[in-house]
């Protein structure tokens, strides 16, 4: 976790430099992004949400920073796929990144870009399905299907439900 978080700080620093920041402010913001946020705390523990955030950020950078090549689209798809592997909530950023790859990257025809992104995501997603098959007897059985309800999972099935507009509003 710590090496990936350190890599995040370096990549974030490089992105800021690419956006025109001077070195000192870019270094300050990169350091603050790690040491003044929950990233520093989470880097000390195996935290699937943290891995999801890192892979999503790296996939975003792959699609955002030029030149966006077919290899970068595949890598972004793989990173997005690993995000889903680490936490099911990664489906949301993976979907947005996939749509972005499909519509915005100027390197190839839209269908080809979408296929490249999907090809990258296929490996990690296949591993996730294989794990679920091995662990739960079906590739489509998620852990929440076999977990007992808890006091915090009164909505949906073991806490898994569609997004709730009121909670989104409260969080914003």
Protein backbone atom coordinates (compact mmCIF):
# COMPACT_ATOMS: atom_id res chain seq x y z
CA UNK A 1 0.00 0.00 0.00
CA UNK A 2 2.71 2.49 0.92
CA UNK A 3 4.66 2.11 -2.36
CA UNK A 4 1.47 2.58 -4.40
CA UNK A 5 0.59 5.66 -2.35
CA UNK A 6 4.09 7.03 -2.91
CA UNK A 7 3.68 6.36 -6.64
CA UNK A 8 0.39 8.26 -6.48
CA UNK A 9 2.21 11.29 -4.99
CA UNK A 10 4.83 11.19 -7.74
CA UNK A 11 2.23 10.86 -10.52
CA UNK A 12 0.12 13.61 -8.96
CA UNK A 13 3.20 15.85 -8.78
CA UNK A 14 3.93 15.17 -12.47
CA UNK A 15 0.30 15.91 -13.41
CA UNK A 16 0.47 19.23 -11.56
CA UNK A 17 3.73 20.14 -13.31
CA UNK A 18 2.06 19.24 -16.61
CA UNK A 19 -0.78 21.60 -15.76
CA UNK A 20 1.69 24.47 -15.37
CA UNK A 21 2.28 24.52 -11.63
CA UNK A 22 5.71 25.62 -10.43
CA UNK A 23 7.74 22.91 -8.70
CA UNK A 24 7.31 24.17 -5.12
CA UNK A 25 3.51 24.46 -5.20
CA UNK A 26 3.23 21.14 -7.08
CA UNK A 27 5.40 19.46 -4.45
CA UNK A 28 3.33 21.03 -1.67
CA UNK A 29 0.02 19.86 -3.18
CA UNK A 30 1.39 16.37 -3.88
CA UNK A 31 2.67 16.09 -0.29
CA UNK A 32 -0.58 17.45 1.14
CA UNK A 33 -2.58 15.00 -0.97
CA UNK A 34 -0.85 12.16 0.85
CA UNK A 35 0.00 13.47 4.33
CA UNK A 36 -3.00 15.73 5.00
CA UNK A 37 -5.66 13.29 3.84
CA UNK A 38 -6.77 9.78 4.80
CA UNK A 39 -4.33 8.41 2.17
CA UNK A 40 -1.46 8.43 4.67
CA UNK A 41 -3.45 6.48 7.26
CA UNK A 42 -4.86 4.05 4.71
CA UNK A 43 -1.43 3.41 3.18
CA UNK A 44 -0.50 1.56 6.38
CA UNK A 45 -3.29 -1.00 6.01
CA UNK A 46 -4.66 -3.26 3.34
CA UNK A 47 -7.61 -1.12 2.38
CA UNK A 48 -9.60 -2.04 -0.67
CA UNK A 49 -11.21 1.40 -1.01
CA UNK A 50 -7.74 2.95 -1.05
CA UNK A 51 -6.64 0.54 -3.80
CA UNK A 52 -9.78 1.44 -5.73
CA UNK A 53 -8.97 5.16 -5.41
CA UNK A 54 -5.38 4.63 -6.57
CA UNK A 55 -6.28 2.48 -9.57
CA UNK A 56 -9.04 4.90 -10.56
CA UNK A 57 -6.65 7.86 -10.38
CA UNK A 58 -4.01 6.05 -12.45
CA UNK A 59 -6.63 5.03 -15.05
CA UNK A 60 -7.86 8.64 -15.18
CA UNK A 61 -4.32 9.89 -15.82
CA UNK A 62 -3.84 7.29 -18.57
CA UNK A 63 -6.89 8.61 -20.42
CA UNK A 64 -6.42 12.29 -19.64
CA UNK A 65 -2.74 12.96 -20.32
CA UNK A 66 -1.66 13.02 -23.97
CA UNK A 67 -0.72 11.11 -25.93
CA UNK A 68 -3.56 8.65 -25.45
CA UNK A 69 -2.40 5.56 -27.34
CA UNK A 70 -4.16 2.21 -27.72
CA UNK A 71 -1.77 0.77 -25.12
CA UNK A 72 -2.78 3.48 -22.64
CA UNK A 73 -6.47 2.78 -23.27
CA UNK A 74 -5.86 -0.93 -22.53
CA UNK A 75 -3.88 0.00 -19.40
CA UNK A 76 -6.67 2.31 -18.25
CA UNK A 77 -9.16 -0.51 -18.75
CA UNK A 78 -6.95 -2.89 -16.76
CA UNK A 79 -6.62 -0.37 -13.93
CA UNK A 80 -10.39 0.20 -13.91
CA UNK A 81 -10.90 -3.58 -13.88
CA UNK A 82 -8.56 -3.91 -10.90
CA UNK A 83 -10.58 -1.19 -9.18
CA UNK A 84 -13.70 -3.36 -9.50
CA UNK A 85 -11.67 -6.36 -8.34
CA UNK A 86 -10.64 -4.48 -5.18
CA UNK A 87 -14.13 -3.16 -4.39
CA UNK A 88 -17.47 -3.61 -6.17
CA UNK A 89 -18.11 0.11 -5.93
CA UNK A 90 -15.38 0.38 -8.58
CA UNK A 91 -18.08 -0.41 -11.14
CA UNK A 92 -19.13 3.27 -11.06
CA UNK A 93 -15.75 4.85 -11.89
CA UNK A 94 -15.00 2.01 -14.33
CA UNK A 95 -18.23 2.76 -16.19
CA UNK A 96 -17.46 6.47 -16.34
CA UNK A 97 -13.87 5.85 -17.46
CA UNK A 98 -15.11 3.38 -20.09
CA UNK A 99 -17.59 5.91 -21.45
CA UNK A 100 -14.85 8.53 -21.47
CA UNK A 101 -12.50 6.19 -23.35
CA UNK A 102 -15.29 5.51 -25.81
CA UNK A 103 -16.18 9.15 -26.44
CA UNK A 104 -13.21 11.39 -25.75
CA UNK A 105 -9.87 9.86 -26.65
CA UNK A 106 -8.92 10.89 -30.20
CA UNK A 107 -6.65 7.97 -31.10
CA UNK A 108 -9.06 5.59 -32.79
CA UNK A 109 -12.66 4.98 -33.79
CA UNK A 110 -15.05 4.93 -30.82
CA UNK A 111 -15.88 1.22 -31.08
CA UNK A 112 -12.19 0.32 -31.21
CA UNK A 113 -11.48 2.51 -28.14
CA UNK A 114 -14.30 0.81 -26.25
CA UNK A 115 -13.02 -2.63 -27.21
CA UNK A 116 -9.48 -1.71 -26.14
CA UNK A 117 -10.76 -0.49 -22.76
CA UNK A 118 -12.89 -3.63 -22.33
CA UNK A 119 -9.95 -5.85 -23.28
CA UNK A 120 -7.87 -4.25 -20.54
CA UNK A 121 -10.63 -4.68 -17.96
CA UNK A 122 -11.34 -8.29 -19.00
CA UNK A 123 -8.39 -9.86 -17.16
CA UNK A 124 -9.04 -8.46 -13.67
CA UNK A 125 -12.80 -8.98 -14.07
CA UNK A 126 -12.25 -12.60 -15.13
CA UNK A 127 -10.11 -13.12 -12.03
CA UNK A 128 -12.89 -11.65 -9.88
CA UNK A 129 -15.47 -13.97 -11.43
CA UNK A 130 -13.13 -16.97 -11.04
CA UNK A 131 -12.61 -16.11 -7.37
CA UNK A 132 -16.35 -15.78 -6.77
CA UNK A 133 -16.93 -19.12 -8.49
CA UNK A 134 -14.26 -20.79 -6.35
CA UNK A 135 -15.38 -19.14 -3.10
CA UNK A 136 -19.16 -19.10 -3.49
CA UNK A 137 -19.98 -21.72 -6.13
CA UNK A 138 -21.04 -19.28 -8.83
CA UNK A 139 -19.19 -16.52 -10.67
CA UNK A 140 -22.15 -14.21 -10.09
CA UNK A 141 -22.46 -14.77 -6.33
CA UNK A 142 -20.98 -11.82 -4.47
CA UNK A 143 -19.83 -12.07 -0.83
CA UNK A 144 -22.77 -9.95 0.31
CA UNK A 145 -25.07 -12.75 -0.79
CA UNK A 146 -23.68 -15.09 1.87
CA UNK A 147 -22.97 -12.59 4.65
CA UNK A 148 -25.38 -12.25 7.56
CA UNK A 149 -27.18 -8.94 7.94
CA UNK A 150 -25.65 -6.51 10.41
CA UNK A 151 -26.99 -3.47 12.16
CA UNK A 152 -25.45 -1.28 9.44
CA UNK A 153 -26.84 -3.28 6.52
CA UNK A 154 -30.55 -2.80 6.98
CA UNK A 155 -31.02 -1.35 3.47
CA UNK A 156 -30.82 -3.64 0.47
CA UNK A 157 -29.21 -7.05 0.60
CA UNK A 158 -26.44 -7.07 3.23
CA UNK A 159 -25.88 -3.39 2.59
CA UNK A 160 -25.83 -3.69 -1.23
CA UNK A 161 -28.45 -1.51 -2.88
CA UNK A 162 -28.93 0.99 -5.66
CA UNK A 163 -27.71 4.54 -4.99
CA UNK A 164 -30.04 6.57 -2.78
CA UNK A 165 -30.63 10.15 -3.91
CA UNK A 166 -31.22 11.43 -0.37
CA UNK A 167 -27.88 9.99 0.83
CA UNK A 168 -26.07 11.46 -2.17
CA UNK A 169 -27.54 14.85 -1.30
CA UNK A 170 -26.58 14.51 2.36
CA UNK A 171 -23.02 13.53 1.46
CA UNK A 172 -22.68 16.48 -0.89
